[in-house]
């Protein structure tokens, strides 16, 4: 039952995000990482929709953090934000990337 609720909430978030304007000040947050990865993040309460290098957005859920905010998903993606900086990692990598928030993506 919990899996169904998570899927329903995730699906609703994707549908709602399609109705909202994409990009622009105050809507999306952009990060550029030290290995060239570019992230577009839409924060929505305890969730985040993360798009990597212009790809399809993936839903991530907030998890407890001692400092900043941590978002994770079942695919092994992990985003830890604190101020204008972030650490980005996936299950396929051995070490996270350091990222900085940018005002306008290049």
PDB file of N, CA and C in Angstrom:
ATOM      1  N   UNK A   1       0.822  -1.188   0.000  1.00  0.00           N
ATOM      2  CA  UNK A   1       0.000   0.000   0.000  1.00  0.00           C
ATOM      3  C   UNK A   1       0.867   1.254   0.000  1.00  0.00           C
ATOM      4  N   UNK A   2       1.987   1.256   0.760  1.00  0.00           N
ATOM      5  CA  UNK A   2       2.878   2.408   0.815  1.00  0.00           C
ATOM      6  C   UNK A   2       3.481   2.682  -0.551  1.00  0.00           C
ATOM      7  N   UNK A   3       3.862   1.645  -1.285  1.00  0.00           N
ATOM      8  CA  UNK A   3       4.427   1.807  -2.619  1.00  0.00           C
ATOM      9  C   UNK A   3       3.419   2.459  -3.550  1.00  0.00           C
ATOM     10  N   UNK A   4       2.151   2.058  -3.440  1.00  0.00           N
ATOM     11  CA  UNK A   4       1.117   2.661  -4.269  1.00  0.00           C
ATOM     12  C   UNK A   4       0.933   4.139  -3.944  1.00  0.00           C
ATOM     13  N   UNK A   5       0.972   4.489  -2.653  1.00  0.00           N
ATOM     14  CA  UNK A   5       0.844   5.887  -2.266  1.00  0.00           C
ATOM     15  C   UNK A   5       2.010   6.695  -2.817  1.00  0.00           C
ATOM     16  N   UNK A   6       3.243   6.163  -2.695  1.00  0.00           N
ATOM     17  CA  UNK A   6       4.431   6.862  -3.202  1.00  0.00           C
ATOM     18  C   UNK A   6       4.327   7.064  -4.702  1.00  0.00           C
ATOM     19  N   UNK A   7       3.870   6.047  -5.432  1.00  0.00           N
ATOM     20  CA  UNK A   7       3.722   6.147  -6.881  1.00  0.00           C
ATOM     21  C   UNK A   7       2.657   7.176  -7.244  1.00  0.00           C
ATOM     22  N   UNK A   8       1.565   7.184  -6.499  1.00  0.00           N
ATOM     23  CA  UNK A   8       0.485   8.142  -6.768  1.00  0.00           C
ATOM     24  C   UNK A   8       0.947   9.569  -6.505  1.00  0.00           C
ATOM     25  N   UNK A   9       1.661   9.787  -5.407  1.00  0.00           N
ATOM     26  CA  UNK A   9       2.158  11.120  -5.079  1.00  0.00           C
ATOM     27  C   UNK A   9       3.196  11.548  -6.109  1.00  0.00           C
ATOM     28  N   UNK A  10       4.094  10.653  -6.489  1.00  0.00           N
ATOM     29  CA  UNK A  10       5.111  10.966  -7.498  1.00  0.00           C
ATOM     30  C   UNK A  10       4.479  11.306  -8.835  1.00  0.00           C
ATOM     31  N   UNK A  11       3.476  10.542  -9.234  1.00  0.00           N
ATOM     32  CA  UNK A  11       2.778  10.801 -10.492  1.00  0.00           C
ATOM     33  C   UNK A  11       2.049  12.130 -10.452  1.00  0.00           C
ATOM     34  N   UNK A  12       1.434  12.434  -9.321  1.00  0.00           N
ATOM     35  CA  UNK A  12       0.739  13.717  -9.182  1.00  0.00           C
ATOM     36  C   UNK A  12       1.721  14.875  -9.248  1.00  0.00           C
ATOM     37  N   UNK A  13       2.898  14.700  -8.651  1.00  0.00           N
ATOM     38  CA  UNK A  13       3.911  15.759  -8.693  1.00  0.00           C
ATOM     39  C   UNK A  13       4.371  16.014 -10.114  1.00  0.00           C
ATOM     40  N   UNK A  14       4.555  14.957 -10.887  1.00  0.00           N
ATOM     41  CA  UNK A  14       4.969  15.117 -12.281  1.00  0.00           C
ATOM     42  C   UNK A  14       3.878  15.821 -13.076  1.00  0.00           C
ATOM     43  N   UNK A  15       2.616  15.431 -12.867  1.00  0.00           N
ATOM     44  CA  UNK A  15       1.517  16.081 -13.577  1.00  0.00           C
ATOM     45  C   UNK A  15       1.392  17.552 -13.189  1.00  0.00           C
ATOM     46  N   UNK A  16       1.524  17.854 -11.910  1.00  0.00           N
ATOM     47  CA  UNK A  16       1.454  19.237 -11.476  1.00  0.00           C
ATOM     48  C   UNK A  16       2.606  20.046 -12.025  1.00  0.00           C
ATOM     49  N   UNK A  17       3.794  19.460 -12.087  1.00  0.00           N
ATOM     50  CA  UNK A  17       4.943  20.191 -12.612  1.00  0.00           C
ATOM     51  C   UNK A  17       4.753  20.514 -14.086  1.00  0.00           C
ATOM     52  N   UNK A  18       4.022  19.680 -14.817  1.00  0.00           N
ATOM     53  CA  UNK A  18       3.763  19.946 -16.231  1.00  0.00           C
ATOM     54  C   UNK A  18       2.835  21.144 -16.393  1.00  0.00           C
ATOM     55  N   UNK A  19       2.002  21.410 -15.403  1.00  0.00           N
ATOM     56  CA  UNK A  19       1.082  22.544 -15.465  1.00  0.00           C
ATOM     57  C   UNK A  19       1.753  23.850 -15.068  1.00  0.00           C
ATOM     58  N   UNK A  20       2.862  23.770 -14.304  1.00  0.00           N
ATOM     59  CA  UNK A  20       3.541  24.966 -13.851  1.00  0.00           C
ATOM     60  C   UNK A  20       4.507  25.450 -14.927  1.00  0.00           C
ATOM     61  N   UNK A  21       4.855  26.737 -14.849  1.00  0.00           N
ATOM     62  CA  UNK A  21       5.855  27.253 -15.777  1.00  0.00           C
ATOM     63  C   UNK A  21       7.203  26.630 -15.450  1.00  0.00           C
ATOM     64  N   UNK A  22       8.024  26.439 -16.449  1.00  0.00           N
ATOM     65  CA  UNK A  22       9.317  25.792 -16.278  1.00  0.00           C
ATOM     66  C   UNK A  22      10.404  26.841 -16.397  1.00  0.00           C
ATOM     67  N   UNK A  23      11.336  26.827 -15.464  1.00  0.00           N
ATOM     68  CA  UNK A  23      12.471  27.735 -15.509  1.00  0.00           C
ATOM     69  C   UNK A  23      12.109  29.130 -15.023  1.00  0.00           C
ATOM     70  N   UNK A  24      13.110  29.975 -14.984  1.00  0.00           N
ATOM     71  CA  UNK A  24      12.900  31.361 -14.591  1.00  0.00           C
ATOM     72  C   UNK A  24      13.174  31.586 -13.125  1.00  0.00           C
ATOM     73  N   UNK A  25      13.324  32.846 -12.746  1.00  0.00           N
ATOM     74  CA  UNK A  25      13.630  33.187 -11.352  1.00  0.00           C
ATOM     75  C   UNK A  25      12.560  32.692 -10.387  1.00  0.00           C
ATOM     76  N   UNK A  26      12.991  32.075  -9.293  1.00  0.00           N
ATOM     77  CA  UNK A  26      12.087  31.649  -8.247  1.00  0.00           C
ATOM     78  C   UNK A  26      11.321  30.373  -8.530  1.00  0.00           C
ATOM     79  N   UNK A  27      11.519  29.751  -9.692  1.00  0.00           N
ATOM     80  CA  UNK A  27      10.784  28.543 -10.030  1.00  0.00           C
ATOM     81  C   UNK A  27      11.705  27.337  -9.938  1.00  0.00           C
ATOM     82  N   UNK A  28      12.814  27.374 -10.639  1.00  0.00           N
ATOM     83  CA  UNK A  28      13.772  26.270 -10.650  1.00  0.00           C
ATOM     84  C   UNK A  28      15.111  26.740 -10.097  1.00  0.00           C
ATOM     85  N   UNK A  29      15.846  25.805  -9.511  1.00  0.00           N
ATOM     86  CA  UNK A  29      17.190  26.075  -9.031  1.00  0.00           C
ATOM     87  C   UNK A  29      18.143  25.281  -9.905  1.00  0.00           C
ATOM     88  N   UNK A  30      19.206  25.923 -10.356  1.00  0.00           N
ATOM     89  CA  UNK A  30      20.175  25.289 -11.249  1.00  0.00           C
ATOM     90  C   UNK A  30      21.524  25.154 -10.552  1.00  0.00           C
ATOM     91  N   UNK A  31      22.181  24.020 -10.795  1.00  0.00           N
ATOM     92  CA  UNK A  31      23.510  23.779 -10.246  1.00  0.00           C
ATOM     93  C   UNK A  31      24.436  23.338 -11.372  1.00  0.00           C
ATOM     94  N   UNK A  32      25.696  23.781 -11.309  1.00  0.00           N
ATOM     95  CA  UNK A  32      26.751  23.278 -12.189  1.00  0.00           C
ATOM     96  C   UNK A  32      27.760  22.583 -11.294  1.00  0.00           C
ATOM     97  N   UNK A  33      28.139  21.373 -11.684  1.00  0.00           N
ATOM     98  CA  UNK A  33      29.005  20.542 -10.855  1.00  0.00           C
ATOM     99  C   UNK A  33      30.425  20.483 -11.417  1.00  0.00           C
ATOM    100  N   UNK A  34      31.355  20.095 -10.555  1.00  0.00           N
ATOM    101  CA  UNK A  34      32.772  20.141 -10.914  1.00  0.00           C
ATOM    102  C   UNK A  34      33.189  19.170 -12.015  1.00  0.00           C
ATOM    103  N   UNK A  35      32.380  18.184 -12.334  1.00  0.00           N
ATOM    104  CA  UNK A  35      32.706  17.258 -13.432  1.00  0.00           C
ATOM    105  C   UNK A  35      31.828  17.496 -14.659  1.00  0.00           C
ATOM    106  N   UNK A  36      31.179  18.671 -14.698  1.00  0.00           N
ATOM    107  CA  UNK A  36      30.398  19.035 -15.873  1.00  0.00           C
ATOM    108  C   UNK A  36      28.918  18.714 -15.815  1.00  0.00           C
ATOM    109  N   UNK A  37      28.457  18.065 -14.778  1.00  0.00           N
ATOM    110  CA  UNK A  37      27.036  17.744 -14.654  1.00  0.00           C
ATOM    111  C   UNK A  37      26.249  19.018 -14.376  1.00  0.00           C
ATOM    112  N   UNK A  38      25.099  19.138 -15.018  1.00  0.00           N
ATOM    113  CA  UNK A  38      24.204  20.275 -14.780  1.00  0.00           C
ATOM    114  C   UNK A  38      22.887  19.748 -14.237  1.00  0.00           C
ATOM    115  N   UNK A  39      22.433  20.346 -13.152  1.00  0.00           N
ATOM    116  CA  UNK A  39      21.198  19.926 -12.501  1.00  0.00           C
ATOM    117  C   UNK A  39      20.170  21.047 -12.532  1.00  0.00           C
ATOM    118  N   UNK A  40      18.930  20.697 -12.804  1.00  0.00           N
ATOM    119  CA  UNK A  40      17.790  21.602 -12.648  1.00  0.00           C
ATOM    120  C   UNK A  40      16.924  20.972 -11.570  1.00  0.00           C
ATOM    121  N   UNK A  41      16.652  21.714 -10.511  1.00  0.00           N
ATOM    122  CA  UNK A  41      15.919  21.167  -9.371  1.00  0.00           C
ATOM    123  C   UNK A  41      14.698  22.033  -9.083  1.00  0.00           C
ATOM    124  N   UNK A  42      13.545  21.390  -8.968  1.00  0.00           N
ATOM    125  CA  UNK A  42      12.315  22.049  -8.546  1.00  0.00           C
ATOM    126  C   UNK A  42      11.967  21.494  -7.170  1.00  0.00           C
ATOM    127  N   UNK A  43      12.088  22.333  -6.135  1.00  0.00           N
ATOM    128  CA  UNK A  43      11.784  21.923  -4.767  1.00  0.00           C
ATOM    129  C   UNK A  43      10.298  22.126  -4.507  1.00  0.00           C
ATOM    130  N   UNK A  44       9.647  21.080  -3.972  1.00  0.00           N
ATOM    131  CA  UNK A  44       8.216  21.119  -3.677  1.00  0.00           C
ATOM    132  C   UNK A  44       7.976  20.444  -2.328  1.00  0.00           C
ATOM    133  N   UNK A  45       8.056  21.233  -1.257  1.00  0.00           N
ATOM    134  CA  UNK A  45       7.854  20.673   0.074  1.00  0.00           C
ATOM    135  C   UNK A  45       8.948  19.673   0.411  1.00  0.00           C
ATOM    136  N   UNK A  46       8.562  18.438   0.726  1.00  0.00           N
ATOM    137  CA  UNK A  46       9.551  17.414   1.076  1.00  0.00           C
ATOM    138  C   UNK A  46       9.997  16.605  -0.145  1.00  0.00           C
ATOM    139  N   UNK A  47       9.754  17.122  -1.324  1.00  0.00           N
ATOM    140  CA  UNK A  47      10.130  16.452  -2.570  1.00  0.00           C
ATOM    141  C   UNK A  47      10.981  17.388  -3.420  1.00  0.00           C
ATOM    142  N   UNK A  48      11.693  16.794  -4.362  1.00  0.00           N
ATOM    143  CA  UNK A  48      12.442  17.557  -5.357  1.00  0.00           C
ATOM    144  C   UNK A  48      12.350  16.812  -6.676  1.00  0.00           C
ATOM    145  N   UNK A  49      12.133  17.537  -7.758  1.00  0.00           N
ATOM    146  CA  UNK A  49      12.201  16.971  -9.104  1.00  0.00           C
ATOM    147  C   UNK A  49      13.550  17.378  -9.671  1.00  0.00           C
ATOM    148  N   UNK A  50      14.382  16.399 -10.005  1.00  0.00           N
ATOM    149  CA  UNK A  50      15.744  16.677 -10.461  1.00  0.00           C
ATOM    150  C   UNK A  50      15.909  16.211 -11.899  1.00  0.00           C
ATOM    151  N   UNK A  51      16.391  17.127 -12.731  1.00  0.00           N
ATOM    152  CA  UNK A  51      16.704  16.827 -14.128  1.00  0.00           C
ATOM    153  C   UNK A  51      18.214  16.941 -14.290  1.00  0.00           C
ATOM    154  N   UNK A  52      18.842  15.892 -14.820  1.00  0.00           N
ATOM    155  CA  UNK A  52      20.290  15.851 -14.996  1.00  0.00           C
ATOM    156  C   UNK A  52      20.621  16.075 -16.466  1.00  0.00           C
ATOM    157  N   UNK A  53      21.427  17.094 -16.735  1.00  0.00           N
ATOM    158  CA  UNK A  53      21.878  17.412 -18.099  1.00  0.00           C
ATOM    159  C   UNK A  53      20.724  17.495 -19.096  1.00  0.00           C
ATOM    160  N   UNK A  54      19.620  18.113 -18.670  1.00  0.00           N
ATOM    161  CA  UNK A  54      18.474  18.306 -19.557  1.00  0.00           C
ATOM    162  C   UNK A  54      17.593  17.087 -19.737  1.00  0.00           C
ATOM    163  N   UNK A  55      17.847  16.031 -18.967  1.00  0.00           N
ATOM    164  CA  UNK A  55      17.054  14.805 -19.078  1.00  0.00           C
ATOM    165  C   UNK A  55      15.705  14.916 -18.394  1.00  0.00           C
ATOM    166  N   UNK A  56      14.982  13.816 -18.413  1.00  0.00           N
ATOM    167  CA  UNK A  56      13.652  13.720 -17.803  1.00  0.00           C
ATOM    168  C   UNK A  56      13.748  13.911 -16.287  1.00  0.00           C
ATOM    169  N   UNK A  57      12.881  14.742 -15.703  1.00  0.00           N
ATOM    170  CA  UNK A  57      12.922  14.943 -14.245  1.00  0.00           C
ATOM    171  C   UNK A  57      12.580  13.662 -13.486  1.00  0.00           C
ATOM    172  N   UNK A  58      13.300  13.442 -12.410  1.00  0.00           N
ATOM    173  CA  UNK A  58      13.072  12.289 -11.537  1.00  0.00           C
ATOM    174  C   UNK A  58      12.690  12.790 -10.150  1.00  0.00           C
ATOM    175  N   UNK A  59      11.678  12.176  -9.547  1.00  0.00           N
ATOM    176  CA  UNK A  59      11.232  12.561  -8.212  1.00  0.00           C
ATOM    177  C   UNK A  59      12.184  12.020  -7.150  1.00  0.00           C
ATOM    178  N   UNK A  60      12.481  12.878  -6.169  1.00  0.00           N
ATOM    179  CA  UNK A  60      13.313  12.484  -5.040  1.00  0.00           C
ATOM    180  C   UNK A  60      12.603  12.919  -3.764  1.00  0.00           C
ATOM    181  N   UNK A  61      12.839  12.186  -2.689  1.00  0.00           N
ATOM    182  CA  UNK A  61      12.164  12.438  -1.414  1.00  0.00           C
ATOM    183  C   UNK A  61      13.176  12.912  -0.379  1.00  0.00           C
ATOM    184  N   UNK A  62      12.754  13.869   0.451  1.00  0.00           N
ATOM    185  CA  UNK A  62      13.596  14.394   1.522  1.00  0.00           C
ATOM    186  C   UNK A  62      13.849  13.313   2.571  1.00  0.00           C
ATOM    187  N   UNK A  63      15.088  13.268   3.067  1.00  0.00           N
ATOM    188  CA  UNK A  63      15.441  12.367   4.160  1.00  0.00           C
ATOM    189  C   UNK A  63      16.096  13.210   5.252  1.00  0.00           C
ATOM    190  N   UNK A  64      16.134  12.725   6.490  1.00  0.00           N
ATOM    191  CA  UNK A  64      16.717  13.518   7.579  1.00  0.00           C
ATOM    192  C   UNK A  64      18.172  13.909   7.299  1.00  0.00           C
ATOM    193  N   UNK A  65      18.510  15.160   7.652  1.00  0.00           N
ATOM    194  CA  UNK A  65      19.866  15.671   7.462  1.00  0.00           C
ATOM    195  C   UNK A  65      20.285  16.438   8.708  1.00  0.00           C
ATOM    196  N   UNK A  66      21.542  16.276   9.114  1.00  0.00           N
ATOM    197  CA  UNK A  66      22.055  17.030  10.254  1.00  0.00           C
ATOM    198  C   UNK A  66      22.238  18.499   9.883  1.00  0.00           C
ATOM    199  N   UNK A  67      22.507  18.750   8.597  1.00  0.00           N
ATOM    200  CA  UNK A  67      22.732  20.109   8.111  1.00  0.00           C
ATOM    201  C   UNK A  67      22.292  20.184   6.655  1.00  0.00           C
ATOM    202  N   UNK A  68      21.600  21.236   6.271  1.00  0.00           N
ATOM    203  CA  UNK A  68      21.121  21.363   4.899  1.00  0.00           C
ATOM    204  C   UNK A  68      19.932  20.454   4.658  1.00  0.00           C
ATOM    205  N   UNK A  69      19.768  20.043   3.404  1.00  0.00           N
ATOM    206  CA  UNK A  69      18.657  19.166   3.024  1.00  0.00           C
ATOM    207  C   UNK A  69      19.181  18.042   2.141  1.00  0.00           C
ATOM    208  N   UNK A  70      18.686  16.837   2.359  1.00  0.00           N
ATOM    209  CA  UNK A  70      19.090  15.671   1.568  1.00  0.00           C
ATOM    210  C   UNK A  70      17.854  15.104   0.883  1.00  0.00           C
ATOM    211  N   UNK A  71      17.999  14.825  -0.424  1.00  0.00           N
ATOM    212  CA  UNK A  71      16.940  14.205  -1.217  1.00  0.00           C
ATOM    213  C   UNK A  71      17.519  12.941  -1.842  1.00  0.00           C
ATOM    214  N   UNK A  72      16.738  11.853  -1.807  1.00  0.00           N
ATOM    215  CA  UNK A  72      17.185  10.581  -2.367  1.00  0.00           C
ATOM    216  C   UNK A  72      16.026   9.923  -3.112  1.00  0.00           C
ATOM    217  N   UNK A  73      16.383   8.974  -4.006  1.00  0.00           N
ATOM    218  CA  UNK A  73      15.343   8.152  -4.635  1.00  0.00           C
ATOM    219  C   UNK A  73      15.803   6.708  -4.665  1.00  0.00           C
ATOM    220  N   UNK A  74      14.930   5.833  -5.108  1.00  0.00           N
ATOM    221  CA  UNK A  74      15.216   4.389  -5.114  1.00  0.00           C
ATOM    222  C   UNK A  74      16.261   3.993  -6.150  1.00  0.00           C
ATOM    223  N   UNK A  75      16.511   4.858  -7.131  1.00  0.00           N
ATOM    224  CA  UNK A  75      17.516   4.561  -8.160  1.00  0.00           C
ATOM    225  C   UNK A  75      18.930   4.832  -7.660  1.00  0.00           C
ATOM    226  N   UNK A  76      19.058   5.362  -6.436  1.00  0.00           N
ATOM    227  CA  UNK A  76      20.374   5.617  -5.874  1.00  0.00           C
ATOM    228  C   UNK A  76      20.879   7.035  -6.092  1.00  0.00           C
ATOM    229  N   UNK A  77      20.010   7.920  -6.549  1.00  0.00           N
ATOM    230  CA  UNK A  77      20.391   9.329  -6.688  1.00  0.00           C
ATOM    231  C   UNK A  77      20.364   9.976  -5.308  1.00  0.00           C
ATOM    232  N   UNK A  78      21.319  10.908  -5.073  1.00  0.00           N
ATOM    233  CA  UNK A  78      21.377  11.615  -3.783  1.00  0.00           C
ATOM    234  C   UNK A  78      21.827  13.047  -4.012  1.00  0.00           C
ATOM    235  N   UNK A  79      21.050  13.999  -3.522  1.00  0.00           N
ATOM    236  CA  UNK A  79      21.364  15.422  -3.608  1.00  0.00           C
ATOM    237  C   UNK A  79      21.355  15.986  -2.204  1.00  0.00           C
ATOM    238  N   UNK A  80      22.494  16.542  -1.782  1.00  0.00           N
ATOM    239  CA  UNK A  80      22.605  17.165  -0.463  1.00  0.00           C
ATOM    240  C   UNK A  80      22.876  18.648  -0.687  1.00  0.00           C
ATOM    241  N   UNK A  81      21.898  19.488  -0.355  1.00  0.00           N
ATOM    242  CA  UNK A  81      22.041  20.929  -0.562  1.00  0.00           C
ATOM    243  C   UNK A  81      22.287  21.630   0.764  1.00  0.00           C
ATOM    244  N   UNK A  82      23.091  22.683   0.696  1.00  0.00           N
ATOM    245  CA  UNK A  82      23.346  23.527   1.867  1.00  0.00           C
ATOM    246  C   UNK A  82      23.751  24.894   1.336  1.00  0.00           C
ATOM    247  N   UNK A  83      22.875  25.870   1.522  1.00  0.00           N
ATOM    248  CA  UNK A  83      23.136  27.200   0.988  1.00  0.00           C
ATOM    249  C   UNK A  83      23.183  27.150  -0.530  1.00  0.00           C
ATOM    250  N   UNK A  84      24.214  27.712  -1.119  1.00  0.00           N
ATOM    251  CA  UNK A  84      24.369  27.742  -2.575  1.00  0.00           C
ATOM    252  C   UNK A  84      25.180  26.563  -3.110  1.00  0.00           C
ATOM    253  N   UNK A  85      25.493  25.603  -2.259  1.00  0.00           N
ATOM    254  CA  UNK A  85      26.293  24.460  -2.675  1.00  0.00           C
ATOM    255  C   UNK A  85      25.489  23.172  -2.563  1.00  0.00           C
ATOM    256  N   UNK A  86      25.954  22.171  -3.298  1.00  0.00           N
ATOM    257  CA  UNK A  86      25.302  20.864  -3.253  1.00  0.00           C
ATOM    258  C   UNK A  86      26.338  19.779  -3.514  1.00  0.00           C
ATOM    259  N   UNK A  87      26.035  18.595  -3.047  1.00  0.00           N
ATOM    260  CA  UNK A  87      26.812  17.393  -3.360  1.00  0.00           C
ATOM    261  C   UNK A  87      25.860  16.480  -4.121  1.00  0.00           C
ATOM    262  N   UNK A  88      26.293  15.997  -5.288  1.00  0.00           N
ATOM    263  CA  UNK A  88      25.455  15.172  -6.153  1.00  0.00           C
ATOM    264  C   UNK A  88      26.126  13.820  -6.338  1.00  0.00           C
ATOM    265  N   UNK A  89      25.352  12.748  -6.213  1.00  0.00           N
ATOM    266  CA  UNK A  89      25.907  11.419  -6.420  1.00  0.00           C
ATOM    267  C   UNK A  89      24.826  10.480  -6.928  1.00  0.00           C
ATOM    268  N   UNK A  90      25.273   9.433  -7.609  1.00  0.00           N
ATOM    269  CA  UNK A  90      24.382   8.370  -8.058  1.00  0.00           C
ATOM    270  C   UNK A  90      24.993   7.043  -7.648  1.00  0.00           C
ATOM    271  N   UNK A  91      24.213   5.994  -7.724  1.00  0.00           N
ATOM    272  CA  UNK A  91      24.701   4.661  -7.351  1.00  0.00           C
ATOM    273  C   UNK A  91      25.829   4.196  -8.272  1.00  0.00           C
ATOM    274  N   UNK A  92      25.937   4.771  -9.459  1.00  0.00           N
ATOM    275  CA  UNK A  92      26.957   4.362 -10.422  1.00  0.00           C
ATOM    276  C   UNK A  92      28.320   5.004 -10.175  1.00  0.00           C
ATOM    277  N   UNK A  93      28.405   5.966  -9.263  1.00  0.00           N
ATOM    278  CA  UNK A  93      29.654   6.686  -9.015  1.00  0.00           C
ATOM    279  C   UNK A  93      30.265   6.273  -7.695  1.00  0.00           C
ATOM    280  N   UNK A  94      31.588   6.366  -7.625  1.00  0.00           N
ATOM    281  CA  UNK A  94      32.267   6.041  -6.378  1.00  0.00           C
ATOM    282  C   UNK A  94      32.423   7.262  -5.484  1.00  0.00           C
ATOM    283  N   UNK A  95      32.328   8.474  -6.054  1.00  0.00           N
ATOM    284  CA  UNK A  95      32.489   9.691  -5.263  1.00  0.00           C
ATOM    285  C   UNK A  95      31.513  10.760  -5.764  1.00  0.00           C
ATOM    286  N   UNK A  96      30.992  11.590  -4.849  1.00  0.00           N
ATOM    287  CA  UNK A  96      30.055  12.639  -5.257  1.00  0.00           C
ATOM    288  C   UNK A  96      30.747  13.800  -5.973  1.00  0.00           C
ATOM    289  N   UNK A  97      29.953  14.572  -6.702  1.00  0.00           N
ATOM    290  CA  UNK A  97      30.424  15.797  -7.344  1.00  0.00           C
ATOM    291  C   UNK A  97      30.059  16.978  -6.457  1.00  0.00           C
ATOM    292  N   UNK A  98      30.911  17.979  -6.440  1.00  0.00           N
ATOM    293  CA  UNK A  98      30.615  19.224  -5.752  1.00  0.00           C
ATOM    294  C   UNK A  98      29.964  20.162  -6.751  1.00  0.00           C
ATOM    295  N   UNK A  99      28.838  20.768  -6.361  1.00  0.00           N
ATOM    296  CA  UNK A  99      28.081  21.635  -7.266  1.00  0.00           C
ATOM    297  C   UNK A  99      27.855  22.994  -6.626  1.00  0.00           C
ATOM    298  N   UNK A 100      27.723  24.015  -7.480  1.00  0.00           N
ATOM    299  CA  UNK A 100      27.410  25.362  -7.028  1.00  0.00           C
ATOM    300  C   UNK A 100      26.174  25.857  -7.757  1.00  0.00           C
ATOM    301  N   UNK A 101      25.324  26.549  -7.018  1.00  0.00           N
ATOM    302  CA  UNK A 101      24.115  27.105  -7.616  1.00  0.00           C
ATOM    303  C   UNK A 101      24.507  28.218  -8.586  1.00  0.00           C
ATOM    304  N   UNK A 102      23.843  28.258  -9.739  1.00  0.00           N
ATOM    305  CA  UNK A 102      24.051  29.306 -10.722  1.00  0.00           C
ATOM    306  C   UNK A 102      22.736  30.018 -10.961  1.00  0.00           C
ATOM    307  N   UNK A 103      22.811  31.303 -11.301  1.00  0.00           N
ATOM    308  CA  UNK A 103      21.606  32.101 -11.501  1.00  0.00           C
ATOM    309  C   UNK A 103      20.943  31.723 -12.820  1.00  0.00           C
ATOM    310  N   UNK A 104      21.717  31.672 -13.887  1.00  0.00           N
ATOM    311  CA  UNK A 104      21.185  31.338 -15.208  1.00  0.00           C
ATOM    312  C   UNK A 104      22.032  30.206 -15.760  1.00  0.00           C
ATOM    313  N   UNK A 105      21.423  29.102 -16.190  1.00  0.00           N
ATOM    314  CA  UNK A 105      22.232  28.003 -16.725  1.00  0.00           C
ATOM    315  C   UNK A 105      22.912  28.411 -18.020  1.00  0.00           C
ATOM    316  N   UNK A 106      24.136  27.910 -18.220  1.00  0.00           N
ATOM    317  CA  UNK A 106      24.884  28.202 -19.459  1.00  0.00           C
ATOM    318  C   UNK A 106      24.598  27.175 -20.512  1.00  0.00           C
TER     319      UNK A 106
END
